[in-house]
Each structure stands twice: as structure tokens, then as C-alpha cells.
C-alpha atoms as a PDB file:
ATOM      1  CA  MET A   1      10.002  10.222   7.259  1.00  0.00           C
ATOM      2  CA  GLU A   2      11.809   8.543   4.384  1.00  0.00           C
ATOM      3  CA  HIS A   3      10.275   8.576   0.909  1.00  0.00           C
ATOM      4  CA  VAL A   4      10.348   6.411  -2.184  1.00  0.00           C
ATOM      5  CA  GLU A   5      10.627   8.482  -5.344  1.00  0.00           C
ATOM      6  CA  GLN A   6       9.621   6.790  -8.596  1.00  0.00           C
ATOM      7  CA  LYS A   7       8.335   8.337 -11.813  1.00  0.00           C
ATOM      8  CA  GLY A   8       7.938  11.744 -10.202  1.00  0.00           C
ATOM      9  CA  ALA A   9       5.866  10.398  -7.313  1.00  0.00           C
ATOM     10  CA  ARG A  10       7.206  10.803  -3.777  1.00  0.00           C
ATOM     11  CA  LEU A  11       5.553   8.232  -1.519  1.00  0.00           C
ATOM     12  CA  PRO A  12       6.094   8.308   2.255  1.00  0.00           C
ATOM     13  CA  ALA A  13       7.794   5.008   3.070  1.00  0.00           C
ATOM     14  CA  ILE A  14       5.374   4.157   5.884  1.00  0.00           C
ATOM     15  CA  GLY A  15       1.631   4.643   5.592  1.00  0.00           C
ATOM     16  CA  LEU A  16      -1.507   3.666   7.479  1.00  0.00           C
ATOM     17  CA  GLY A  17      -3.526   0.826   6.002  1.00  0.00           C
ATOM     18  CA  THR A  18      -7.261   0.926   6.740  1.00  0.00           C
ATOM     19  CA  TRP A  19      -8.553  -2.456   5.533  1.00  0.00           C
ATOM     20  CA  LYS A  20     -11.328  -3.687   7.871  1.00  0.00           C
ATOM     21  CA  LEU A  21     -11.354  -0.436   9.849  1.00  0.00           C
ATOM     22  CA  GLN A  22     -14.878   0.945  10.218  1.00  0.00           C
ATOM     23  CA  GLY A  23     -16.757   3.811  11.825  1.00  0.00           C
ATOM     24  CA  ALA A  24     -15.248   5.637  14.778  1.00  0.00           C
ATOM     25  CA  GLU A  25     -12.389   3.139  14.924  1.00  0.00           C
ATOM     26  CA  CYS A  26     -11.314   4.120  11.412  1.00  0.00           C
ATOM     27  CA  TYR A  27     -11.775   7.834  12.054  1.00  0.00           C
ATOM     28  CA  ASP A  28      -9.748   7.676  15.265  1.00  0.00           C
ATOM     29  CA  ALA A  29      -6.954   5.703  13.591  1.00  0.00           C
ATOM     30  CA  VAL A  30      -6.634   8.250  10.794  1.00  0.00           C
ATOM     31  CA  THR A  31      -6.710  11.318  13.022  1.00  0.00           C
ATOM     32  CA  HIS A  32      -4.235   9.871  15.510  1.00  0.00           C
ATOM     33  CA  ALA A  33      -1.839   8.628  12.843  1.00  0.00           C
ATOM     34  CA  LEU A  34      -1.777  12.036  11.198  1.00  0.00           C
ATOM     35  CA  SER A  35      -1.268  13.745  14.565  1.00  0.00           C
ATOM     36  CA  ILE A  36       1.963  11.806  15.224  1.00  0.00           C
ATOM     37  CA  GLY A  37       3.510  12.232  11.800  1.00  0.00           C
ATOM     38  CA  TYR A  38       1.953   9.833   9.315  1.00  0.00           C
ATOM     39  CA  ARG A  39       1.516  11.440   5.908  1.00  0.00           C
ATOM     40  CA  HIS A  40       0.292   8.448   3.898  1.00  0.00           C
ATOM     41  CA  ILE A  41      -3.220   6.977   4.209  1.00  0.00           C
ATOM     42  CA  ASP A  42      -4.477   4.019   2.170  1.00  0.00           C
ATOM     43  CA  THR A  43      -8.136   3.151   1.612  1.00  0.00           C
ATOM     44  CA  ALA A  44     -10.340   1.601  -1.095  1.00  0.00           C
ATOM     45  CA  GLN A  45     -13.869   1.566  -2.438  1.00  0.00           C
ATOM     46  CA  ALA A  46     -14.207  -2.026  -1.229  1.00  0.00           C
ATOM     47  CA  TYR A  47     -13.256  -1.115   2.348  1.00  0.00           C
ATOM     48  CA  ALA A  48     -16.492   0.877   2.775  1.00  0.00           C
ATOM     49  CA  ASN A  49     -14.655   3.403   4.946  1.00  0.00           C
ATOM     50  CA  GLU A  50     -13.774   6.229   2.558  1.00  0.00           C
ATOM     51  CA  GLU A  51     -16.201   8.543   4.346  1.00  0.00           C
ATOM     52  CA  GLN A  52     -14.543   7.939   7.724  1.00  0.00           C
ATOM     53  CA  VAL A  53     -11.075   8.339   6.205  1.00  0.00           C
ATOM     54  CA  GLY A  54     -12.166  11.595   4.604  1.00  0.00           C
ATOM     55  CA  GLN A  55     -13.622  12.918   7.844  1.00  0.00           C
ATOM     56  CA  GLY A  56     -10.404  12.051   9.626  1.00  0.00           C
ATOM     57  CA  LEU A  57      -8.422  13.932   7.011  1.00  0.00           C
ATOM     58  CA  ALA A  58     -10.734  16.923   7.281  1.00  0.00           C
ATOM     59  CA  ASP A  59     -10.490  17.081  11.066  1.00  0.00           C
ATOM     60  CA  ALA A  60      -6.735  16.560  11.298  1.00  0.00           C
ATOM     61  CA  ALA A  61      -4.523  19.610  11.715  1.00  0.00           C
ATOM     62  CA  VAL A  62      -2.607  18.700   8.578  1.00  0.00           C
ATOM     63  CA  PRO A  63      -3.102  20.366   5.186  1.00  0.00           C
ATOM     64  CA  ARG A  64      -4.533  18.039   2.546  1.00  0.00           C
ATOM     65  CA  SER A  65      -1.560  18.843   0.302  1.00  0.00           C
ATOM     66  CA  GLU A  66       0.799  17.242   2.835  1.00  0.00           C
ATOM     67  CA  VAL A  67      -0.988  13.873   2.939  1.00  0.00           C
ATOM     68  CA  TRP A  68      -0.504  11.129   0.370  1.00  0.00           C
ATOM     69  CA  LEU A  69      -3.978   9.635  -0.099  1.00  0.00           C
ATOM     70  CA  THR A  70      -4.565   6.408  -2.004  1.00  0.00           C
ATOM     71  CA  THR A  71      -7.834   4.737  -2.927  1.00  0.00           C
ATOM     72  CA  LYS A  72      -8.659   1.840  -5.215  1.00  0.00           C
ATOM     73  CA  VAL A  73     -11.147   1.069  -7.977  1.00  0.00           C
ATOM     74  CA  TRP A  74     -13.041  -2.136  -7.236  1.00  0.00           C
ATOM     75  CA  VAL A  75     -13.369  -4.769  -9.965  1.00  0.00           C
ATOM     76  CA  ASP A  76     -17.122  -4.152 -10.327  1.00  0.00           C
ATOM     77  CA  ASN A  77     -16.238  -0.638 -11.528  1.00  0.00           C
ATOM     78  CA  ALA A  78     -13.483  -1.693 -13.928  1.00  0.00           C
ATOM     79  CA  ALA A  79     -15.353  -1.147 -17.208  1.00  0.00           C
ATOM     80  CA  ARG A  80     -14.348   2.067 -18.975  1.00  0.00           C
ATOM     81  CA  GLU A  81     -17.774   3.664 -18.554  1.00  0.00           C
ATOM     82  CA  ASP A  82     -17.840   2.881 -14.819  1.00  0.00           C
ATOM     83  CA  VAL A  83     -14.408   4.141 -13.785  1.00  0.00           C
ATOM     84  CA  ARG A  84     -15.063   7.888 -13.748  1.00  0.00           C
ATOM     85  CA  PRO A  85     -18.403   7.824 -11.860  1.00  0.00           C
ATOM     86  CA  ALA A  86     -16.978   5.364  -9.335  1.00  0.00           C
ATOM     87  CA  VAL A  87     -13.970   7.587  -8.703  1.00  0.00           C
ATOM     88  CA  GLN A  88     -16.135  10.695  -8.473  1.00  0.00           C
ATOM     89  CA  ALA A  89     -18.207   8.891  -5.827  1.00  0.00           C
ATOM     90  CA  SER A  90     -15.016   8.012  -3.949  1.00  0.00           C
ATOM     91  CA  LEU A  91     -13.885  11.633  -4.005  1.00  0.00           C
ATOM     92  CA  HIS A  92     -17.279  12.718  -2.682  1.00  0.00           C
ATOM     93  CA  ARG A  93     -17.038  10.242   0.197  1.00  0.00           C
ATOM     94  CA  LEU A  94     -13.461  11.289   0.910  1.00  0.00           C
ATOM     95  CA  GLY A  95     -14.376  14.965   0.819  1.00  0.00           C
ATOM     96  CA  THR A  96     -11.511  15.859  -1.483  1.00  0.00           C
ATOM     97  CA  GLY A  97     -11.149  16.986  -5.069  1.00  0.00           C
ATOM     98  CA  TYR A  98      -8.404  14.514  -5.865  1.00  0.00           C
ATOM     99  CA  VAL A  99      -6.448  11.526  -4.622  1.00  0.00           C
ATOM    100  CA  ASP A 100      -2.701  11.244  -4.923  1.00  0.00           C
ATOM    101  CA  LEU A 101      -2.840   7.674  -6.159  1.00  0.00           C
ATOM    102  CA  LEU A 102      -5.615   5.644  -7.761  1.00  0.00           C
ATOM    103  CA  LEU A 103      -5.102   1.891  -7.967  1.00  0.00           C
ATOM    104  CA  LEU A 104      -6.963  -0.892  -9.728  1.00  0.00           C
ATOM    105  CA  HIS A 105      -7.608  -3.107  -6.702  1.00  0.00           C
ATOM    106  CA  TRP A 106      -7.390  -6.477  -8.480  1.00  0.00           C
ATOM    107  CA  PRO A 107      -7.195  -7.591 -12.099  1.00  0.00           C
ATOM    108  CA  ALA A 108     -10.842  -7.658 -13.181  1.00  0.00           C
ATOM    109  CA  PRO A 109     -11.859 -11.129 -14.411  1.00  0.00           C
ATOM    110  CA  ASP A 110     -14.039  -9.866 -17.273  1.00  0.00           C
ATOM    111  CA  VAL A 111     -12.457  -6.527 -18.228  1.00  0.00           C
ATOM    112  CA  ALA A 112      -9.140  -6.041 -19.982  1.00  0.00           C
ATOM    113  CA  VAL A 113      -6.521  -4.450 -17.759  1.00  0.00           C
ATOM    114  CA  THR A 114      -5.673  -2.024 -20.547  1.00  0.00           C
ATOM    115  CA  GLU A 115      -9.287  -0.810 -20.683  1.00  0.00           C
ATOM    116  CA  THR A 116      -9.424   0.040 -16.989  1.00  0.00           C
ATOM    117  CA  LEU A 117      -5.952   1.539 -16.785  1.00  0.00           C
ATOM    118  CA  GLY A 118      -6.622   3.619 -19.880  1.00  0.00           C
ATOM    119  CA  ALA A 119      -9.739   5.080 -18.277  1.00  0.00           C
ATOM    120  CA  MET A 120      -7.888   5.692 -15.013  1.00  0.00           C
ATOM    121  CA  SER A 121      -5.095   7.493 -16.852  1.00  0.00           C
ATOM    122  CA  GLU A 122      -7.613   9.930 -18.306  1.00  0.00           C
ATOM    123  CA  LEU A 123      -8.445  10.969 -14.739  1.00  0.00           C
ATOM    124  CA  VAL A 124      -4.857  12.125 -14.273  1.00  0.00           C
ATOM    125  CA  ASP A 125      -5.374  14.625 -17.079  1.00  0.00           C
ATOM    126  CA  GLU A 126      -8.637  15.724 -15.453  1.00  0.00           C
ATOM    127  CA  GLY A 127      -6.983  16.292 -12.076  1.00  0.00           C
ATOM    128  CA  LEU A 128      -9.006  13.668 -10.198  1.00  0.00           C
ATOM    129  CA  THR A 129      -5.863  11.717  -9.352  1.00  0.00           C
ATOM    130  CA  ARG A 130      -2.195  12.595  -9.532  1.00  0.00           C
ATOM    131  CA  TYR A 131      -0.964   9.090 -10.328  1.00  0.00           C
ATOM    132  CA  VAL A 132      -2.287   5.624 -11.127  1.00  0.00           C
ATOM    133  CA  GLY A 133      -1.137   2.128 -10.306  1.00  0.00           C
ATOM    134  CA  VAL A 134      -2.244  -1.429  -9.666  1.00  0.00           C
ATOM    135  CA  SER A 135      -2.732  -3.796  -6.761  1.00  0.00           C
ATOM    136  CA  ASN A 136      -2.464  -7.576  -6.497  1.00  0.00           C
ATOM    137  CA  PHE A 137      -0.866  -7.813  -9.931  1.00  0.00           C
ATOM    138  CA  PRO A 138       1.571 -10.672 -10.623  1.00  0.00           C
ATOM    139  CA  SER A 139       4.582  -9.637 -12.668  1.00  0.00           C
ATOM    140  CA  ALA A 140       3.113 -10.579 -16.067  1.00  0.00           C
ATOM    141  CA  TYR A 141      -0.094  -8.671 -15.335  1.00  0.00           C
ATOM    142  CA  ALA A 142       1.917  -5.665 -14.190  1.00  0.00           C
ATOM    143  CA  ARG A 143       3.841  -5.678 -17.439  1.00  0.00           C
ATOM    144  CA  GLU A 144       0.568  -5.637 -19.388  1.00  0.00           C
ATOM    145  CA  ALA A 145      -0.732  -2.766 -17.256  1.00  0.00           C
ATOM    146  CA  GLU A 146       2.381  -0.771 -18.049  1.00  0.00           C
ATOM    147  CA  THR A 147       1.425  -0.761 -21.729  1.00  0.00           C
ATOM    148  CA  ALA A 148      -1.735   1.217 -20.900  1.00  0.00           C
ATOM    149  CA  ALA A 149      -0.628   3.527 -18.087  1.00  0.00           C
ATOM    150  CA  ASP A 150       2.350   4.998 -16.303  1.00  0.00           C
ATOM    151  CA  VAL A 151       2.129   2.653 -13.313  1.00  0.00           C
ATOM    152  CA  VAL A 152       3.612   4.268 -10.185  1.00  0.00           C
ATOM    153  CA  THR A 153       3.227   1.335  -7.785  1.00  0.00           C
ATOM    154  CA  ASN A 154       2.058  -2.261  -7.516  1.00  0.00           C
ATOM    155  CA  GLN A 155       0.497  -2.822  -4.098  1.00  0.00           C
ATOM    156  CA  VAL A 156       0.842  -6.457  -3.060  1.00  0.00           C
ATOM    157  CA  GLU A 157       0.920  -8.663   0.002  1.00  0.00           C
ATOM    158  CA  TYR A 158       4.539  -8.645   1.099  1.00  0.00           C
ATOM    159  CA  HIS A 159       6.155  -9.773   4.337  1.00  0.00           C
ATOM    160  CA  PRO A 160       9.035 -12.066   5.342  1.00  0.00           C
ATOM    161  CA  TYR A 161       7.014 -15.242   4.740  1.00  0.00           C
ATOM    162  CA  LEU A 162       6.100 -14.385   1.136  1.00  0.00           C
ATOM    163  CA  SER A 163       8.734 -13.839  -1.530  1.00  0.00           C
ATOM    164  CA  GLN A 164       7.846 -11.221  -4.131  1.00  0.00           C
ATOM    165  CA  GLU A 165      11.008 -11.662  -6.177  1.00  0.00           C
ATOM    166  CA  ALA A 166       9.247 -11.573  -9.555  1.00  0.00           C
ATOM    167  CA  VAL A 167       7.113  -8.551  -8.628  1.00  0.00           C
ATOM    168  CA  LEU A 168      10.194  -6.690  -7.387  1.00  0.00           C
ATOM    169  CA  ALA A 169      12.135  -7.563 -10.528  1.00  0.00           C
ATOM    170  CA  GLU A 170       9.337  -6.202 -12.707  1.00  0.00           C
ATOM    171  CA  ALA A 171       9.192  -3.053 -10.583  1.00  0.00           C
ATOM    172  CA  GLU A 172      12.905  -2.537 -11.113  1.00  0.00           C
ATOM    173  CA  ARG A 173      12.576  -3.135 -14.860  1.00  0.00           C
ATOM    174  CA  ASP A 174       9.719  -0.641 -15.251  1.00  0.00           C
ATOM    175  CA  GLY A 175      10.831   1.831 -12.589  1.00  0.00           C
ATOM    176  CA  HIS A 176       7.768   1.705 -10.318  1.00  0.00           C
ATOM    177  CA  SER A 177       7.563   1.112  -6.583  1.00  0.00           C
ATOM    178  CA  VAL A 178       6.091  -1.802  -4.641  1.00  0.00           C
ATOM    179  CA  THR A 179       3.720  -1.097  -1.755  1.00  0.00           C
ATOM    180  CA  ALA A 180       3.576  -3.856   0.860  1.00  0.00           C
ATOM    181  CA  TYR A 181       0.214  -4.540   2.459  1.00  0.00           C
ATOM    182  CA  SER A 182      -0.153  -6.968   5.387  1.00  0.00           C
ATOM    183  CA  PRO A 183       3.557  -6.255   6.008  1.00  0.00           C
ATOM    184  CA  LEU A 184       3.435  -7.806   9.479  1.00  0.00           C
ATOM    185  CA  ALA A 185       1.714 -10.973   8.218  1.00  0.00           C
ATOM    186  CA  HIS A 186      -1.367 -10.357  10.371  1.00  0.00           C
ATOM    187  CA  GLY A 187       0.849 -10.156  13.438  1.00  0.00           C
ATOM    188  CA  LYS A 188       2.663 -13.447  12.852  1.00  0.00           C
ATOM    189  CA  VAL A 189       6.052 -11.731  12.895  1.00  0.00           C
ATOM    190  CA  THR A 190       5.584 -10.744  16.541  1.00  0.00           C
ATOM    191  CA  ASN A 191       6.228 -14.229  17.888  1.00  0.00           C
ATOM    192  CA  ASP A 192       8.676 -15.428  15.259  1.00  0.00           C
ATOM    193  CA  ARG A 193      11.828 -16.632  17.028  1.00  0.00           C
ATOM    194  CA  THR A 194      14.172 -15.620  14.209  1.00  0.00           C
ATOM    195  CA  ILE A 195      12.687 -12.144  13.880  1.00  0.00           C
ATOM    196  CA  ARG A 196      12.755 -11.677  17.650  1.00  0.00           C
ATOM    197  CA  GLN A 197      16.457 -12.512  17.641  1.00  0.00           C
ATOM    198  CA  VAL A 198      17.125  -9.988  14.885  1.00  0.00           C
ATOM    199  CA  ALA A 199      15.073  -7.359  16.724  1.00  0.00           C
ATOM    200  CA  ALA A 200      16.973  -7.878  19.971  1.00  0.00           C
ATOM    201  CA  GLY A 201      20.205  -6.921  18.257  1.00  0.00           C
ATOM    202  CA  TYR A 202      18.841  -3.456  17.488  1.00  0.00           C
ATOM    203  CA  GLY A 203      16.772  -2.838  20.597  1.00  0.00           C
ATOM    204  CA  LYS A 204      13.686  -2.823  18.390  1.00  0.00           C
ATOM    205  CA  THR A 205      10.474  -4.846  18.203  1.00  0.00           C
ATOM    206  CA  PRO A 206       9.799  -7.634  15.681  1.00  0.00           C
ATOM    207  CA  ALA A 207       7.323  -5.338  13.912  1.00  0.00           C
ATOM    208  CA  GLN A 208       9.897  -2.578  13.620  1.00  0.00           C
ATOM    209  CA  VAL A 209      12.643  -4.749  12.142  1.00  0.00           C
ATOM    210  CA  THR A 210      10.123  -6.277   9.728  1.00  0.00           C
ATOM    211  CA  LEU A 211       9.038  -2.859   8.496  1.00  0.00           C
ATOM    212  CA  ARG A 212      12.676  -1.771   8.325  1.00  0.00           C
ATOM    213  CA  TRP A 213      13.486  -4.881   6.276  1.00  0.00           C
ATOM    214  CA  LEU A 214      10.771  -3.927   3.802  1.00  0.00           C
ATOM    215  CA  ILE A 215      11.509  -0.232   3.373  1.00  0.00           C
ATOM    216  CA  GLN A 216      15.260  -0.799   3.289  1.00  0.00           C
ATOM    217  CA  GLN A 217      14.737  -2.622   0.005  1.00  0.00           C
ATOM    218  CA  PRO A 218      14.833  -0.366  -3.071  1.00  0.00           C
ATOM    219  CA  ARG A 219      11.444   0.992  -4.161  1.00  0.00           C
ATOM    220  CA  VAL A 220       9.455  -0.609  -1.296  1.00  0.00           C
ATOM    221  CA  VAL A 221       6.790   1.178   0.772  1.00  0.00           C
ATOM    222  CA  ALA A 222       4.845  -0.434   3.657  1.00  0.00           C
ATOM    223  CA  ILE A 223       1.331   0.290   4.924  1.00  0.00           C
ATOM    224  CA  PRO A 224       0.769  -1.515   8.252  1.00  0.00           C
ATOM    225  CA  ARG A 225      -2.757  -1.425   9.636  1.00  0.00           C
ATOM    226  CA  SER A 226      -3.524  -0.883  13.311  1.00  0.00           C
ATOM    227  CA  VAL A 227      -6.162   0.730  15.496  1.00  0.00           C
ATOM    228  CA  HIS A 228      -3.849   0.885  18.514  1.00  0.00           C
ATOM    229  CA  ARG A 229      -2.161   4.208  19.215  1.00  0.00           C
ATOM    230  CA  LEU A 230       0.991   2.637  20.609  1.00  0.00           C
ATOM    231  CA  ARG A 231       1.298   0.511  17.467  1.00  0.00           C
ATOM    232  CA  HIS A 232       0.969   3.601  15.283  1.00  0.00           C
ATOM    233  CA  ALA A 233       3.975   5.122  17.013  1.00  0.00           C
ATOM    234  CA  GLU A 234       5.900   1.841  17.029  1.00  0.00           C
ATOM    235  CA  ASN A 235       5.378   1.312  13.305  1.00  0.00           C
ATOM    236  CA  LEU A 236       6.593   4.817  12.518  1.00  0.00           C
ATOM    237  CA  ASP A 237       9.750   4.503  14.619  1.00  0.00           C
ATOM    238  CA  VAL A 238      11.802   2.719  11.964  1.00  0.00           C
ATOM    239  CA  PHE A 239      13.948   5.489  10.521  1.00  0.00           C
ATOM    240  CA  ASP A 240      16.757   5.643  13.079  1.00  0.00           C
ATOM    241  CA  PHE A 241      18.485   2.348  12.266  1.00  0.00           C
ATOM    242  CA  GLU A 242      19.409   0.070   9.368  1.00  0.00           C
ATOM    243  CA  LEU A 243      19.617  -3.708   9.189  1.00  0.00           C
ATOM    244  CA  SER A 244      22.928  -5.301   8.303  1.00  0.00           C
ATOM    245  CA  ASP A 245      23.239  -7.216   5.041  1.00  0.00           C
ATOM    246  CA  ASP A 246      23.296 -10.465   7.013  1.00  0.00           C
ATOM    247  CA  ASP A 247      20.093  -9.581   8.848  1.00  0.00           C
ATOM    248  CA  MET A 248      18.422  -8.535   5.592  1.00  0.00           C
ATOM    249  CA  GLN A 249      19.231 -11.985   4.222  1.00  0.00           C
ATOM    250  CA  THR A 250      18.070 -13.685   7.412  1.00  0.00           C
ATOM    251  CA  MET A 251      14.686 -11.971   7.135  1.00  0.00           C
ATOM    252  CA  ALA A 252      14.377 -12.887   3.456  1.00  0.00           C
ATOM    253  CA  SER A 253      15.177 -16.529   4.220  1.00  0.00           C
ATOM    254  CA  LEU A 254      11.881 -16.884   6.104  1.00  0.00           C
ATOM    255  CA  ALA A 255       9.857 -16.958   2.859  1.00  0.00           C
ATOM    256  CA  ARG A 256       8.029 -20.225   2.255  1.00  0.00           C
ATOM    257  CA  PRO A 257       5.690 -21.672  -0.393  1.00  0.00           C
ATOM    258  CA  ASP A 258       2.621 -21.466   1.867  1.00  0.00           C
ATOM    259  CA  GLY A 259       3.356 -17.954   3.096  1.00  0.00           C
ATOM    260  CA  ARG A 260       0.555 -16.173   1.225  1.00  0.00           C
ATOM    261  CA  LEU A 261      -2.323 -15.047   3.464  1.00  0.00           C
ATOM    262  CA  ILE A 262      -4.601 -13.258   0.972  1.00  0.00           C
ATOM    263  CA  ASP A 263      -5.760 -15.533  -1.845  1.00  0.00           C
ATOM    264  CA  PRO A 264      -9.436 -15.040  -2.799  1.00  0.00           C
ATOM    265  CA  SER A 265     -11.146 -17.199  -5.390  1.00  0.00           C
ATOM    266  CA  PHE A 266     -10.921 -14.442  -8.022  1.00  0.00           C
ATOM    267  CA  ALA A 267      -7.178 -13.916  -7.553  1.00  0.00           C
ATOM    268  CA  PRO A 268      -4.966 -14.132 -10.657  1.00  0.00           C
ATOM    269  CA  PRO A 269      -2.352 -16.875 -11.079  1.00  0.00           C
ATOM    270  CA  TRP A 270       0.443 -15.802  -8.759  1.00  0.00           C
ATOM    271  CA  ASP A 271       4.132 -15.750  -9.629  1.00  0.00           C
END
């Protein structure tokens, strides 16, 4: 497993995303992923699956200290007085005394970013989280967040069809990582002719070269989601090859203006 090391944090380069995973399906995904070598699990208050993630962690034959666990504060809990009780509830559901990374899930429409991040930073001192960061933050919002907290990562939608040039530039300026969610563009990469051609040159699948393209970029981590055991193994098998500079550029050239897949009504103005 490769790692991305930024600001003292050492994030496994590939993690398991759990968005939309529920019940036994979520539990099974977590336990299986950990059994084959995953050491990075991502969840959130809004996913309503922290309890299943926590049970999977508890039942896996992997010490808690070896697993990078991330959860996220939902916007309804962004006010200073709501952050701590919401996080304590998350920890109770997860069955752990701490998370490795606590993210603000989205910029809250009615609460200053600095207020929420300030409250989250206090939880580092209390030992409830090791690090804090943000999610779905355009570059300008990320820069504001950095004034209130030592941001370790900005988790954003990132795949070959969506350029994140501004977000990556801000990450480089500040020294934090970028975590790519929906890295396989909801499976769209699988049937992409260009990506299939790149993959054929390495004897890999389109998903594997896409994940390799992401984590081969400086400071980038990817958290593909899947409930399928074969996909878990496939997505982890990306550390025995590197893409050429030409193929890295070919993958990047697929970005397009309409490439964004996640754009809720409360989303901030994107870069």
C-alpha cells in the first residue's frame, strides 16, 4: 500500500468509500475490504451507516490503530455548539474513541466555515479526532478554511471527466492532500474507449488505470466504493505499475465542462 504524507498525516492511497452502502451490505464490504488489505475506510454522518462500519471494524482481524477511519460532520451540525455532540454520537455509532480524520462534509450555507472548523480543531486537542479537513470545498473556500484549522485533506469529486486543477493548486499551496470520491465516475470509465486503450497497454482494467492516474498525482488519495468482492481486489491492485507521462496526459485530456456528477442544490459555486 502506498501512502500520501501531508502535515504529519499518513493516508493510505486507496480507501473504501461507503456512500449509499447500508446494513449487511455495508458490513460485508468493510470486513472483506479489511481482510484483503484495505486500511482506509470512509464514512459520514449523512450516510447513516456509521454503526455498520463500526461493527465491521470491530469484527475484522485488524487492530483499530492500523485502520485510517474518516467520518464527516453534516451541515445541520455545523454550528459550534452542535459539532462536539454530533461527533460524540458518531464515535458511539462507530464504536471507537476517535477517528483519524474528521471532515466538514459541505460548506454550511448558514454557518461560517471558520466557526465549524474552529470547533472541529478543538476536538483534535481532546483526542476525538487526530486530524481535520474539508469536503466539497472549491479552492477559495478551502483557503478560508485554512485560516481556522490545519486542513489535512479536501475530499472532492475527482475523476478523468472532471478537472480539479484549482483545487489541486490550492492543495499544493497549502500542503494538504486531495481525496478523490467517485473516482470511477459511477462506473463510466469502464466503457470509455480511450481509457480501455490505455488499460490494454498495461494489462490492467479501466478502473485500475483510472485509480493509478489519480494516485500517481502528487498528494492525491482515492476512495472507490464497491460492494463486490472482486472489485475490492481489483481496485487495490494498482501499486505494481506506473502510467507513462503521455498516458497521464491522455487521461487528463478527458475532462469536460459537464463532467461533474455530484451537484446538489446547496453546493457552493464551483471553480
